[in-house]
Amino acid sequence: MTHGVSHRHFGRDTTARKALLRGLAMNIIEHGTIETTLPKAKDLRRVIEPLITRARVDTLQNRREVAKTITNPILLKKLFEEVAPRFVGVNGGYTRVMKAGFRQGDAADMALIQLTKLPE
């Protein structure tokens, strides 16, 4: 039974799972849209949405908190200066997950996860 389990394990230990989600978060900031498996996309929402919420208000404390997850300084700057300002005045719902069929090799459910407000 899965009572009380709040996240998926993805067959990894804690540090590997956090590294996986951190890498996916940095990829979505860099590219705006990524394709991954459906469970990973759903768990990624729980990582990226609070980061964007913090980044909407550019303070030193918020930069330091977000920098714990987004370790690339170029992507950190992009998040605060390009991505987050598009969501000022929007309370949540910064990403959308769309099913993208099945992967050919193992028939895993695939999904596109993207920011709802892409740059023009």
C-alpha atoms as a PDB file:
ATOM      1  CA  MET A   1       0.000   0.000   0.000  1.00  0.00           C
ATOM      2  CA  THR A   2       1.117   3.558  -0.593  1.00  0.00           C
ATOM      3  CA  HIS A   3      -0.481   5.337   2.345  1.00  0.00           C
ATOM      4  CA  GLY A   4       1.354   8.486   3.349  1.00  0.00           C
ATOM      5  CA  VAL A   5       3.812   8.443   0.436  1.00  0.00           C
ATOM      6  CA  SER A   6       3.939  11.934  -1.002  1.00  0.00           C
ATOM      7  CA  HIS A   7       6.234  11.430  -3.989  1.00  0.00           C
ATOM      8  CA  ARG A   8       7.398   8.853  -6.502  1.00  0.00           C
ATOM      9  CA  HIS A   9      10.774   7.151  -6.077  1.00  0.00           C
ATOM     10  CA  PHE A  10      11.709   6.495  -9.743  1.00  0.00           C
ATOM     11  CA  GLY A  11      13.901   3.561  -8.647  1.00  0.00           C
ATOM     12  CA  ARG A  12      16.462   5.971  -7.172  1.00  0.00           C
ATOM     13  CA  ASP A  13      17.690   6.950  -3.750  1.00  0.00           C
ATOM     14  CA  THR A  14      16.953  10.406  -2.348  1.00  0.00           C
ATOM     15  CA  THR A  15      19.989  12.257  -3.699  1.00  0.00           C
ATOM     16  CA  ALA A  16      19.655  10.768  -7.190  1.00  0.00           C
ATOM     17  CA  ARG A  17      15.946  11.618  -7.290  1.00  0.00           C
ATOM     18  CA  LYS A  18      16.590  15.212  -6.200  1.00  0.00           C
ATOM     19  CA  ALA A  19      19.363  15.525  -8.795  1.00  0.00           C
ATOM     20  CA  LEU A  20      17.025  14.201 -11.492  1.00  0.00           C
ATOM     21  CA  LEU A  21      14.295  16.727 -10.665  1.00  0.00           C
ATOM     22  CA  ARG A  22      16.855  19.544 -10.324  1.00  0.00           C
ATOM     23  CA  GLY A  23      18.203  18.737 -13.788  1.00  0.00           C
ATOM     24  CA  LEU A  24      14.709  18.635 -15.288  1.00  0.00           C
ATOM     25  CA  ALA A  25      13.891  21.974 -13.623  1.00  0.00           C
ATOM     26  CA  MET A  26      16.984  23.572 -15.140  1.00  0.00           C
ATOM     27  CA  ASN A  27      16.091  22.127 -18.554  1.00  0.00           C
ATOM     28  CA  ILE A  28      12.573  23.580 -18.484  1.00  0.00           C
ATOM     29  CA  ILE A  29      13.967  27.006 -17.532  1.00  0.00           C
ATOM     30  CA  GLU A  30      16.472  26.796 -20.381  1.00  0.00           C
ATOM     31  CA  HIS A  31      14.159  25.468 -23.105  1.00  0.00           C
ATOM     32  CA  GLY A  32      10.617  26.298 -21.969  1.00  0.00           C
ATOM     33  CA  THR A  33       9.345  22.858 -23.039  1.00  0.00           C
ATOM     34  CA  ILE A  34      10.721  19.383 -22.404  1.00  0.00           C
ATOM     35  CA  GLU A  35       9.537  15.848 -23.111  1.00  0.00           C
ATOM     36  CA  THR A  36       9.824  13.297 -20.325  1.00  0.00           C
ATOM     37  CA  THR A  37       7.794  10.486 -18.808  1.00  0.00           C
ATOM     38  CA  LEU A  38       4.401  11.389 -17.384  1.00  0.00           C
ATOM     39  CA  PRO A  39       5.235  10.627 -13.718  1.00  0.00           C
ATOM     40  CA  LYS A  40       8.439  12.684 -13.913  1.00  0.00           C
ATOM     41  CA  ALA A  41       6.536  15.584 -15.472  1.00  0.00           C
ATOM     42  CA  LYS A  42       3.928  15.477 -12.713  1.00  0.00           C
ATOM     43  CA  ASP A  43       6.586  15.466  -9.980  1.00  0.00           C
ATOM     44  CA  LEU A  44       8.533  18.217 -11.750  1.00  0.00           C
ATOM     45  CA  ARG A  45       5.558  20.553 -11.294  1.00  0.00           C
ATOM     46  CA  ARG A  46       6.051  20.312  -7.521  1.00  0.00           C
ATOM     47  CA  VAL A  47       9.646  21.527  -7.954  1.00  0.00           C
ATOM     48  CA  ILE A  48       9.354  24.237 -10.615  1.00  0.00           C
ATOM     49  CA  GLU A  49       6.168  26.021  -9.507  1.00  0.00           C
ATOM     50  CA  PRO A  50       7.499  27.145  -6.081  1.00  0.00           C
ATOM     51  CA  LEU A  51      10.723  28.295  -7.758  1.00  0.00           C
ATOM     52  CA  ILE A  52       8.798  30.536 -10.155  1.00  0.00           C
ATOM     53  CA  THR A  53       6.654  31.839  -7.290  1.00  0.00           C
ATOM     54  CA  ARG A  54       9.783  32.864  -5.374  1.00  0.00           C
ATOM     55  CA  ALA A  55      11.445  34.300  -8.476  1.00  0.00           C
ATOM     56  CA  ARG A  56       8.535  36.679  -9.135  1.00  0.00           C
ATOM     57  CA  VAL A  57       9.872  38.900  -6.322  1.00  0.00           C
ATOM     58  CA  ASP A  58      13.567  39.549  -6.954  1.00  0.00           C
ATOM     59  CA  THR A  59      15.164  39.811  -3.505  1.00  0.00           C
ATOM     60  CA  LEU A  60      18.511  38.557  -2.272  1.00  0.00           C
ATOM     61  CA  GLN A  61      16.827  36.017  -0.001  1.00  0.00           C
ATOM     62  CA  ASN A  62      14.700  34.646  -2.862  1.00  0.00           C
ATOM     63  CA  ARG A  63      17.764  34.397  -5.113  1.00  0.00           C
ATOM     64  CA  ARG A  64      19.608  32.428  -2.436  1.00  0.00           C
ATOM     65  CA  GLU A  65      16.682  30.071  -1.855  1.00  0.00           C
ATOM     66  CA  VAL A  66      16.192  29.408  -5.583  1.00  0.00           C
ATOM     67  CA  ALA A  67      19.969  29.006  -6.061  1.00  0.00           C
ATOM     68  CA  LYS A  68      19.823  25.940  -3.796  1.00  0.00           C
ATOM     69  CA  THR A  69      17.947  24.184  -6.611  1.00  0.00           C
ATOM     70  CA  ILE A  70      19.015  26.068  -9.761  1.00  0.00           C
ATOM     71  CA  THR A  71      22.787  25.799  -9.471  1.00  0.00           C
ATOM     72  CA  ASN A  72      23.630  27.233 -12.905  1.00  0.00           C
ATOM     73  CA  PRO A  73      24.110  31.023 -12.527  1.00  0.00           C
ATOM     74  CA  ILE A  74      23.117  31.697 -16.144  1.00  0.00           C
ATOM     75  CA  LEU A  75      19.810  29.860 -15.705  1.00  0.00           C
ATOM     76  CA  LEU A  76      19.250  31.539 -12.335  1.00  0.00           C
ATOM     77  CA  LYS A  77      19.586  34.924 -14.013  1.00  0.00           C
ATOM     78  CA  LYS A  78      17.259  33.822 -16.833  1.00  0.00           C
ATOM     79  CA  LEU A  79      14.645  32.633 -14.314  1.00  0.00           C
ATOM     80  CA  PHE A  80      14.623  35.932 -12.421  1.00  0.00           C
ATOM     81  CA  GLU A  81      14.913  38.287 -15.408  1.00  0.00           C
ATOM     82  CA  GLU A  82      13.037  36.539 -18.242  1.00  0.00           C
ATOM     83  CA  VAL A  83      10.803  33.718 -16.993  1.00  0.00           C
ATOM     84  CA  ALA A  84       9.361  34.958 -13.688  1.00  0.00           C
ATOM     85  CA  PRO A  85       8.331  38.470 -14.864  1.00  0.00           C
ATOM     86  CA  ARG A  86       5.914  36.832 -17.332  1.00  0.00           C
ATOM     87  CA  PHE A  87       3.997  35.393 -14.364  1.00  0.00           C
ATOM     88  CA  VAL A  88       3.658  38.495 -12.181  1.00  0.00           C
ATOM     89  CA  GLY A  89       0.013  38.700 -11.160  1.00  0.00           C
ATOM     90  CA  VAL A  90      -0.602  35.001 -11.839  1.00  0.00           C
ATOM     91  CA  ASN A  91      -1.138  32.796  -8.787  1.00  0.00           C
ATOM     92  CA  GLY A  92       0.125  29.340  -9.713  1.00  0.00           C
ATOM     93  CA  GLY A  93      -0.470  27.224 -12.782  1.00  0.00           C
ATOM     94  CA  TYR A  94       2.821  28.196 -14.412  1.00  0.00           C
ATOM     95  CA  THR A  95       3.243  24.851 -16.185  1.00  0.00           C
ATOM     96  CA  ARG A  96       1.065  22.519 -18.208  1.00  0.00           C
ATOM     97  CA  VAL A  97       1.506  18.786 -18.718  1.00  0.00           C
ATOM     98  CA  MET A  98       0.207  17.300 -21.964  1.00  0.00           C
ATOM     99  CA  LYS A  99       0.291  13.609 -22.772  1.00  0.00           C
ATOM    100  CA  ALA A 100       2.490  12.806 -25.756  1.00  0.00           C
ATOM    101  CA  GLY A 101       1.798   9.161 -26.474  1.00  0.00           C
ATOM    102  CA  PHE A 102       4.038   6.225 -25.641  1.00  0.00           C
ATOM    103  CA  ARG A 103       7.801   5.754 -25.939  1.00  0.00           C
ATOM    104  CA  GLN A 104       8.672   3.240 -28.632  1.00  0.00           C
ATOM    105  CA  GLY A 105      11.237   1.235 -26.670  1.00  0.00           C
ATOM    106  CA  ASP A 106       9.305   0.425 -23.508  1.00  0.00           C
ATOM    107  CA  ALA A 107       5.820   1.911 -24.076  1.00  0.00           C
ATOM    108  CA  ALA A 108       6.250   4.350 -21.183  1.00  0.00           C
ATOM    109  CA  ASP A 109       3.682   7.165 -20.972  1.00  0.00           C
ATOM    110  CA  MET A 110       5.394  10.286 -22.326  1.00  0.00           C
ATOM    111  CA  ALA A 111       4.406  13.875 -21.671  1.00  0.00           C
ATOM    112  CA  LEU A 112       5.342  17.391 -22.694  1.00  0.00           C
ATOM    113  CA  ILE A 113       5.732  19.806 -19.813  1.00  0.00           C
ATOM    114  CA  GLN A 114       5.949  23.465 -20.710  1.00  0.00           C
ATOM    115  CA  LEU A 115       5.618  26.895 -19.207  1.00  0.00           C
ATOM    116  CA  THR A 116       2.138  28.288 -19.841  1.00  0.00           C
ATOM    117  CA  LYS A 117       3.457  31.659 -21.010  1.00  0.00           C
ATOM    118  CA  LEU A 118       6.163  30.985 -23.566  1.00  0.00           C
ATOM    119  CA  PRO A 119       8.214  33.893 -24.933  1.00  0.00           C
ATOM    120  CA  GLU A 120       6.938  35.369 -28.188  1.00  0.00           C
END
